[in-house]
Amino acid sequence: MASSTQLTAQQNLLKSQRDDGLHQVGDTQIIELKVESVSLDNPATALIDVCWDVSDVDIVDAEGDSAVASERKEVGWTRYTVTNDKWDAAPEDGWRVSGGADLEKEPCAAS
């Protein structure tokens, strides 16, 4: 689940792609996940680095033609900020992705 600016960014991306008649075929694979830090101060926050592989993912139009740019990275890292505004009351129920940024680091091995 997402919240904050991450939720807005995802909603805008999906709306734009749907308006353009695009949809995803295939699944993103998570190759590696590293918890970089955790703070239980209010709001509870964790930074998580995720190495992903989209080599089996295509974005296609209504005719089935690919809309993926030829220079797209197939494997890369994104650092996600995950927060829980309800940590004191419901520590297991409220974690949401609240931000994310691609990282410039050596990619992990593809799946």
Protein backbone atom coordinates (compact mmCIF):
# COMPACT_ATOMS: atom_id res chain seq x y z
CA MET A 1 0.00 0.00 0.00
CA ALA A 2 1.10 3.54 -0.59
CA SER A 3 0.38 6.88 1.03
CA SER A 4 1.38 10.49 0.76
CA THR A 5 3.34 11.59 -2.33
CA GLN A 6 4.06 7.98 -3.33
CA LEU A 7 0.33 7.23 -3.55
CA THR A 8 -0.28 10.37 -5.62
CA ALA A 9 2.61 9.52 -7.97
CA GLN A 10 1.33 5.97 -8.51
CA GLN A 11 -2.25 7.16 -9.08
CA ASN A 12 -1.09 9.76 -11.62
CA LEU A 13 1.08 7.24 -13.48
CA LEU A 14 -1.69 4.64 -13.67
CA LYS A 15 -4.29 7.21 -14.78
CA SER A 16 -1.97 8.51 -17.50
CA GLN A 17 -1.22 5.01 -18.77
CA ARG A 18 -4.90 4.02 -18.76
CA ASP A 19 -5.83 7.25 -20.56
CA ASP A 20 -3.24 6.32 -23.20
CA GLY A 21 -4.68 2.79 -23.51
CA LEU A 22 -1.58 1.18 -22.01
CA HIS A 23 -1.35 -1.79 -19.68
CA GLN A 24 1.37 -3.96 -18.15
CA VAL A 25 2.12 -7.50 -19.22
CA GLY A 26 4.42 -9.57 -16.98
CA ASP A 27 5.60 -9.19 -13.42
CA THR A 28 8.32 -7.18 -11.75
CA GLN A 29 10.66 -9.45 -9.79
CA ILE A 30 12.20 -8.37 -6.49
CA ILE A 31 15.75 -9.71 -6.55
CA GLU A 32 17.09 -8.31 -3.30
CA LEU A 33 15.70 -6.31 -0.40
CA LYS A 34 17.78 -4.57 2.27
CA VAL A 35 16.40 -2.78 5.34
CA GLU A 36 18.74 0.20 5.66
CA SER A 37 17.29 1.78 8.80
CA VAL A 38 14.32 1.71 11.17
CA SER A 39 13.12 4.41 13.56
CA LEU A 40 10.13 3.81 15.82
CA ASP A 41 9.76 7.51 16.64
CA ASN A 42 6.45 9.04 15.57
CA PRO A 43 5.91 8.39 12.74
CA ALA A 44 7.67 5.03 12.67
CA THR A 45 9.83 4.98 9.53
CA ALA A 46 11.95 2.43 7.68
CA LEU A 47 14.21 2.89 4.67
CA ILE A 48 14.25 -0.17 2.43
CA ASP A 49 16.42 -0.64 -0.66
CA VAL A 50 14.85 -2.90 -3.29
CA CYS A 51 16.64 -4.32 -6.30
CA TRP A 52 14.08 -5.04 -9.03
CA ASP A 53 14.11 -6.76 -12.41
CA VAL A 54 11.61 -5.74 -15.12
CA SER A 55 13.14 -7.80 -17.93
CA ASP A 56 9.90 -9.84 -18.17
CA VAL A 57 7.66 -6.74 -18.08
CA ASP A 58 6.23 -4.96 -21.11
CA ILE A 59 3.90 -1.98 -21.33
CA VAL A 60 1.66 -2.43 -24.37
CA ASP A 61 -1.00 -0.40 -26.14
CA ALA A 62 -4.44 -1.62 -27.23
CA GLU A 63 -2.94 -3.24 -30.35
CA GLY A 64 -0.35 -5.12 -28.29
CA ASP A 65 2.58 -2.97 -29.43
CA SER A 66 5.26 -2.25 -26.85
CA ALA A 67 5.51 1.29 -25.48
CA VAL A 68 8.71 0.60 -23.52
CA ALA A 69 11.66 2.83 -24.37
CA SER A 70 14.64 0.91 -25.75
CA GLU A 71 16.92 2.55 -23.16
CA ARG A 72 14.85 1.35 -20.16
CA LYS A 73 16.91 -0.16 -17.36
CA GLU A 74 16.00 -3.82 -16.86
CA VAL A 75 17.49 -4.07 -13.36
CA GLY A 76 17.95 -1.34 -10.75
CA TRP A 77 17.61 -0.18 -7.16
CA THR A 78 14.92 1.96 -5.53
CA ARG A 79 15.00 3.22 -1.93
CA TYR A 80 11.52 3.24 -0.41
CA THR A 81 10.47 5.16 2.67
CA VAL A 82 7.88 3.15 4.60
CA THR A 83 5.98 4.83 7.43
CA ASN A 84 3.45 3.82 10.06
CA ASP A 85 1.48 6.72 11.53
CA LYS A 86 -0.43 4.26 13.72
CA TRP A 87 2.58 2.52 15.29
CA ASP A 88 1.48 3.17 18.89
CA ALA A 89 -2.05 1.82 18.36
CA ALA A 90 -1.67 -0.76 15.57
CA PRO A 91 1.98 -1.63 14.89
CA GLU A 92 1.18 -4.39 12.41
CA ASP A 93 -1.57 -2.68 10.44
CA GLY A 94 -0.39 0.71 9.31
CA TRP A 95 2.82 0.43 7.26
CA ARG A 96 2.61 2.33 3.94
CA VAL A 97 5.12 3.25 1.24
CA SER A 98 5.31 7.03 1.55
CA GLY A 99 8.19 7.80 -0.80
CA GLY A 100 10.67 6.32 -3.22
CA ALA A 101 13.70 7.31 -5.23
CA ASP A 102 15.84 5.39 -7.71
CA LEU A 103 19.41 4.84 -6.56
CA GLU A 104 22.58 5.09 -8.60
CA LYS A 105 24.34 1.92 -7.51
CA GLU A 106 25.59 -1.28 -9.05
CA PRO A 107 22.59 -3.43 -10.04
CA CYS A 108 22.08 -6.79 -8.39
CA ALA A 109 22.12 -9.99 -10.42
CA ALA A 110 19.00 -10.38 -12.56
CA SER A 111 16.63 -13.25 -11.85
